[in-house]
Amino acid sequence: MKLHTLIREQLLDRPPADVFPFFADAHNLEAITPPLLGFRIVGPGPPTMAVGTLIQYRLRMRGLSVDWLTRIEEWQPGVSFVDTQLVGPYRLWHHTHTFEERSGGTLMRDVVRYALPLWPVGELAGPLVRRDLTMIFDFRRQAVARALERDTEQPDPGAS
């Protein structure tokens, strides 16, 4: 099994106490995932994030419907959390999210460790998977910035 790593960082102009709650709501994953993936959480009610929480979702990858089940392995509110795939398209998926205070803002970091299925044959898809993940995280970067900016907008007191 070959292990791949994707690391992405984003500096946000809000403190971790303001940023982390956005990620604590699993339904916000839908808003920060490219629409072409048709991502949606399935299952009963909104999941309450904590160690052991299971999140079941469905999406489309290259036209195929994929069921995915992840578990929250670590949960440190305001600081970090880790989700791992129990069922899904990867042989291994381990996603660490960290939130560090930086000059009144937040350095948000995603570290995704993943392995492709059907090793070694599955490695033939490696460049395509990497390109897809890059596109997803590029979209996520813009969507997070927009969502958190929108959350800070205040109504114009002069508007009626």
C-alpha atoms as a PDB file:
ATOM      1  CA  MET A   1       0.000   0.000   0.000  1.00  0.00           C
ATOM      2  CA  LYS A   2       1.367   3.397  -0.987  1.00  0.00           C
ATOM      3  CA  LEU A   3       0.479   6.308   1.258  1.00  0.00           C
ATOM      4  CA  HIS A   4      -0.212   9.742  -0.284  1.00  0.00           C
ATOM      5  CA  THR A   5      -0.433  13.055   1.573  1.00  0.00           C
ATOM      6  CA  LEU A   6      -2.238  16.260   0.657  1.00  0.00           C
ATOM      7  CA  ILE A   7      -1.550  19.323   2.810  1.00  0.00           C
ATOM      8  CA  ARG A   8      -3.488  22.556   2.453  1.00  0.00           C
ATOM      9  CA  GLU A   9      -3.304  25.709   4.556  1.00  0.00           C
ATOM     10  CA  GLN A  10      -5.539  28.755   4.621  1.00  0.00           C
ATOM     11  CA  LEU A  11      -5.234  31.926   6.659  1.00  0.00           C
ATOM     12  CA  LEU A  12      -8.598  33.281   7.771  1.00  0.00           C
ATOM     13  CA  ASP A  13      -9.094  36.702   9.355  1.00  0.00           C
ATOM     14  CA  ARG A  14     -11.180  35.394  12.237  1.00  0.00           C
ATOM     15  CA  PRO A  15     -10.007  33.712  15.468  1.00  0.00           C
ATOM     16  CA  PRO A  16     -10.329  29.932  15.914  1.00  0.00           C
ATOM     17  CA  ALA A  17     -13.263  30.474  18.295  1.00  0.00           C
ATOM     18  CA  ASP A  18     -15.185  31.937  15.328  1.00  0.00           C
ATOM     19  CA  VAL A  19     -13.908  29.520  12.670  1.00  0.00           C
ATOM     20  CA  PHE A  20     -14.165  26.172  14.431  1.00  0.00           C
ATOM     21  CA  PRO A  21     -17.978  26.203  14.917  1.00  0.00           C
ATOM     22  CA  PHE A  22     -18.421  26.371  11.130  1.00  0.00           C
ATOM     23  CA  PHE A  23     -16.564  23.050  10.840  1.00  0.00           C
ATOM     24  CA  ALA A  24     -18.328  21.588  13.871  1.00  0.00           C
ATOM     25  CA  ASP A  25     -21.541  21.617  11.828  1.00  0.00           C
ATOM     26  CA  ALA A  26     -21.203  18.623   9.494  1.00  0.00           C
ATOM     27  CA  HIS A  27     -23.876  20.030   7.180  1.00  0.00           C
ATOM     28  CA  ASN A  28     -21.465  22.799   6.179  1.00  0.00           C
ATOM     29  CA  LEU A  29     -19.535  20.112   4.292  1.00  0.00           C
ATOM     30  CA  GLU A  30     -22.286  20.315   1.674  1.00  0.00           C
ATOM     31  CA  ALA A  31     -21.672  24.045   1.225  1.00  0.00           C
ATOM     32  CA  ILE A  32     -17.899  23.698   0.796  1.00  0.00           C
ATOM     33  CA  THR A  33     -17.929  20.709  -1.569  1.00  0.00           C
ATOM     34  CA  PRO A  34     -18.095  21.299  -5.330  1.00  0.00           C
ATOM     35  CA  PRO A  35     -21.703  20.944  -6.566  1.00  0.00           C
ATOM     36  CA  LEU A  36     -20.652  18.512  -9.307  1.00  0.00           C
ATOM     37  CA  LEU A  37     -20.010  15.931  -6.563  1.00  0.00           C
ATOM     38  CA  GLY A  38     -23.641  16.029  -5.418  1.00  0.00           C
ATOM     39  CA  PHE A  39     -22.425  15.651  -1.824  1.00  0.00           C
ATOM     40  CA  ARG A  40     -25.089  15.161   0.818  1.00  0.00           C
ATOM     41  CA  ILE A  41     -25.238  13.817   4.330  1.00  0.00           C
ATOM     42  CA  VAL A  42     -27.607  10.896   4.710  1.00  0.00           C
ATOM     43  CA  GLY A  43     -28.937   9.278   7.834  1.00  0.00           C
ATOM     44  CA  PRO A  44     -31.012  10.428  10.770  1.00  0.00           C
ATOM     45  CA  GLY A  45     -30.748  14.040  11.892  1.00  0.00           C
ATOM     46  CA  PRO A  46     -27.686  16.261  12.003  1.00  0.00           C
ATOM     47  CA  PRO A  47     -24.710  14.496  13.579  1.00  0.00           C
ATOM     48  CA  THR A  48     -23.405  15.928  16.842  1.00  0.00           C
ATOM     49  CA  MET A  49     -19.652  16.114  16.495  1.00  0.00           C
ATOM     50  CA  ALA A  50     -17.646  14.269  19.157  1.00  0.00           C
ATOM     51  CA  VAL A  51     -15.197  11.383  19.343  1.00  0.00           C
ATOM     52  CA  GLY A  52     -16.952   8.383  17.828  1.00  0.00           C
ATOM     53  CA  THR A  53     -19.503  10.330  15.776  1.00  0.00           C
ATOM     54  CA  LEU A  54     -20.335   8.568  12.514  1.00  0.00           C
ATOM     55  CA  ILE A  55     -21.115  10.668   9.450  1.00  0.00           C
ATOM     56  CA  GLN A  56     -22.676   8.947   6.468  1.00  0.00           C
ATOM     57  CA  TYR A  57     -22.834  10.710   3.147  1.00  0.00           C
ATOM     58  CA  ARG A  58     -23.318  10.071  -0.515  1.00  0.00           C
ATOM     59  CA  LEU A  59     -21.638  11.718  -3.465  1.00  0.00           C
ATOM     60  CA  ARG A  60     -20.844  11.198  -7.125  1.00  0.00           C
ATOM     61  CA  MET A  61     -17.282  10.578  -8.203  1.00  0.00           C
ATOM     62  CA  ARG A  62     -16.743  10.546 -11.951  1.00  0.00           C
ATOM     63  CA  GLY A  63     -20.427   9.728 -12.462  1.00  0.00           C
ATOM     64  CA  LEU A  64     -20.531   6.867  -9.958  1.00  0.00           C
ATOM     65  CA  SER A  65     -22.607   7.049  -6.785  1.00  0.00           C
ATOM     66  CA  VAL A  66     -20.408   6.511  -3.729  1.00  0.00           C
ATOM     67  CA  ASP A  67     -21.490   5.857  -0.160  1.00  0.00           C
ATOM     68  CA  TRP A  68     -18.980   7.062   2.402  1.00  0.00           C
ATOM     69  CA  LEU A  69     -18.911   6.574   6.158  1.00  0.00           C
ATOM     70  CA  THR A  70     -16.454   8.411   8.375  1.00  0.00           C
ATOM     71  CA  ARG A  71     -15.843   8.434  12.110  1.00  0.00           C
ATOM     72  CA  ILE A  72     -14.546  11.299  14.216  1.00  0.00           C
ATOM     73  CA  GLU A  73     -11.431   9.858  15.868  1.00  0.00           C
ATOM     74  CA  GLU A  74     -10.253  12.986  17.688  1.00  0.00           C
ATOM     75  CA  TRP A  75     -12.221  16.064  18.733  1.00  0.00           C
ATOM     76  CA  GLN A  76     -10.619  19.080  20.433  1.00  0.00           C
ATOM     77  CA  PRO A  77     -13.044  22.008  20.050  1.00  0.00           C
ATOM     78  CA  GLY A  78     -11.342  25.133  18.770  1.00  0.00           C
ATOM     79  CA  VAL A  79      -8.112  23.257  18.096  1.00  0.00           C
ATOM     80  CA  SER A  80      -8.453  20.185  15.871  1.00  0.00           C
ATOM     81  CA  PHE A  81     -10.349  17.114  14.809  1.00  0.00           C
ATOM     82  CA  VAL A  82      -9.632  13.974  12.814  1.00  0.00           C
ATOM     83  CA  ASP A  83     -11.984  11.979  10.623  1.00  0.00           C
ATOM     84  CA  THR A  84     -11.222   8.579   9.127  1.00  0.00           C
ATOM     85  CA  GLN A  85     -13.022   6.593   6.470  1.00  0.00           C
ATOM     86  CA  LEU A  86     -14.722   3.382   7.577  1.00  0.00           C
ATOM     87  CA  VAL A  87     -16.465   2.719   4.248  1.00  0.00           C
ATOM     88  CA  GLY A  88     -15.699   4.499   1.005  1.00  0.00           C
ATOM     89  CA  PRO A  89     -13.605   4.743  -2.123  1.00  0.00           C
ATOM     90  CA  TYR A  90     -10.157   4.776  -0.509  1.00  0.00           C
ATOM     91  CA  ARG A  91      -8.177   2.010   1.090  1.00  0.00           C
ATOM     92  CA  LEU A  92      -7.222   4.584   3.733  1.00  0.00           C
ATOM     93  CA  TRP A  93      -8.507   8.107   4.419  1.00  0.00           C
ATOM     94  CA  HIS A  94      -7.234   9.976   7.487  1.00  0.00           C
ATOM     95  CA  HIS A  95      -8.032  13.708   7.532  1.00  0.00           C
ATOM     96  CA  THR A  96      -6.597  15.957  10.244  1.00  0.00           C
ATOM     97  CA  HIS A  97      -8.038  19.471  10.580  1.00  0.00           C
ATOM     98  CA  THR A  98      -6.141  21.965  12.754  1.00  0.00           C
ATOM     99  CA  PHE A  99      -6.922  25.556  13.705  1.00  0.00           C
ATOM    100  CA  GLU A 100      -4.062  27.705  15.046  1.00  0.00           C
ATOM    101  CA  GLU A 101      -4.372  31.288  16.186  1.00  0.00           C
ATOM    102  CA  ARG A 102      -2.199  33.623  14.122  1.00  0.00           C
ATOM    103  CA  SER A 103      -2.242  37.402  14.698  1.00  0.00           C
ATOM    104  CA  GLY A 104      -5.936  37.474  15.565  1.00  0.00           C
ATOM    105  CA  GLY A 105      -6.793  35.156  12.707  1.00  0.00           C
ATOM    106  CA  THR A 106      -6.670  31.415  12.137  1.00  0.00           C
ATOM    107  CA  LEU A 107      -4.259  29.254  10.232  1.00  0.00           C
ATOM    108  CA  MET A 108      -6.446  26.373   9.153  1.00  0.00           C
ATOM    109  CA  ARG A 109      -4.577  23.283   8.002  1.00  0.00           C
ATOM    110  CA  ASP A 110      -5.862  20.111   6.352  1.00  0.00           C
ATOM    111  CA  VAL A 111      -3.593  17.082   6.234  1.00  0.00           C
ATOM    112  CA  VAL A 112      -5.101  14.206   4.304  1.00  0.00           C
ATOM    113  CA  ARG A 113      -3.321  10.867   4.273  1.00  0.00           C
ATOM    114  CA  TYR A 114      -4.855   8.488   1.800  1.00  0.00           C
ATOM    115  CA  ALA A 115      -4.177   5.230   0.009  1.00  0.00           C
ATOM    116  CA  LEU A 116      -5.846   4.080  -3.166  1.00  0.00           C
ATOM    117  CA  PRO A 117      -7.671   0.757  -3.405  1.00  0.00           C
ATOM    118  CA  LEU A 118      -6.474  -2.286  -5.359  1.00  0.00           C
ATOM    119  CA  TRP A 119      -2.780  -1.679  -4.826  1.00  0.00           C
ATOM    120  CA  PRO A 120      -0.636  -1.734  -6.933  1.00  0.00           C
ATOM    121  CA  VAL A 121      -3.040  -1.455  -9.898  1.00  0.00           C
ATOM    122  CA  GLY A 122      -4.998   1.332  -8.172  1.00  0.00           C
ATOM    123  CA  GLU A 123      -1.888   3.519  -8.291  1.00  0.00           C
ATOM    124  CA  LEU A 124      -2.493   3.990 -12.012  1.00  0.00           C
ATOM    125  CA  ALA A 125      -5.323   6.332 -10.999  1.00  0.00           C
ATOM    126  CA  GLY A 126      -3.033   8.261  -8.621  1.00  0.00           C
ATOM    127  CA  PRO A 127      -2.494  11.354 -10.791  1.00  0.00           C
ATOM    128  CA  LEU A 128      -6.226  11.591 -11.558  1.00  0.00           C
ATOM    129  CA  VAL A 129      -7.165  11.239  -7.882  1.00  0.00           C
ATOM    130  CA  ARG A 130      -4.589  13.855  -6.913  1.00  0.00           C
ATOM    131  CA  ARG A 131      -5.995  16.250  -9.528  1.00  0.00           C
ATOM    132  CA  ASP A 132      -9.547  15.662  -8.260  1.00  0.00           C
ATOM    133  CA  LEU A 133      -8.538  16.224  -4.621  1.00  0.00           C
ATOM    134  CA  THR A 134      -6.686  19.400  -5.584  1.00  0.00           C
ATOM    135  CA  MET A 135      -9.811  20.685  -7.366  1.00  0.00           C
ATOM    136  CA  ILE A 136     -12.006  19.818  -4.356  1.00  0.00           C
ATOM    137  CA  PHE A 137      -9.706  21.562  -1.881  1.00  0.00           C
ATOM    138  CA  ASP A 138      -9.297  24.589  -4.175  1.00  0.00           C
ATOM    139  CA  PHE A 139     -13.090  24.903  -4.251  1.00  0.00           C
ATOM    140  CA  ARG A 140     -13.242  24.400  -0.483  1.00  0.00           C
ATOM    141  CA  ARG A 141     -10.709  27.187   0.093  1.00  0.00           C
ATOM    142  CA  GLN A 142     -12.867  29.703  -1.769  1.00  0.00           C
ATOM    143  CA  ALA A 143     -16.143  28.434  -0.283  1.00  0.00           C
ATOM    144  CA  VAL A 144     -14.824  28.634   3.302  1.00  0.00           C
ATOM    145  CA  ALA A 145     -13.556  32.174   2.748  1.00  0.00           C
ATOM    146  CA  ARG A 146     -16.929  33.233   1.292  1.00  0.00           C
ATOM    147  CA  ALA A 147     -18.966  31.514   4.022  1.00  0.00           C
ATOM    148  CA  LEU A 148     -16.961  32.978   6.875  1.00  0.00           C
ATOM    149  CA  GLU A 149     -16.895  36.428   5.266  1.00  0.00           C
ATOM    150  CA  ARG A 150     -20.669  36.293   4.870  1.00  0.00           C
ATOM    151  CA  ASP A 151     -21.020  35.332   8.550  1.00  0.00           C
ATOM    152  CA  THR A 152     -19.203  38.526   9.570  1.00  0.00           C
ATOM    153  CA  GLU A 153     -21.195  40.891   7.379  1.00  0.00           C
ATOM    154  CA  GLN A 154     -23.401  43.201   9.403  1.00  0.00           C
ATOM    155  CA  PRO A 155     -26.584  44.762   8.077  1.00  0.00           C
ATOM    156  CA  ASP A 156     -26.234  48.381   7.022  1.00  0.00           C
ATOM    157  CA  PRO A 157     -27.891  50.401   9.816  1.00  0.00           C
ATOM    158  CA  GLY A 158     -28.882  53.033   7.245  1.00  0.00           C
ATOM    159  CA  ALA A 159     -30.739  50.524   5.058  1.00  0.00           C
ATOM    160  CA  SER A 160     -34.487  50.242   5.335  1.00  0.00           C
END
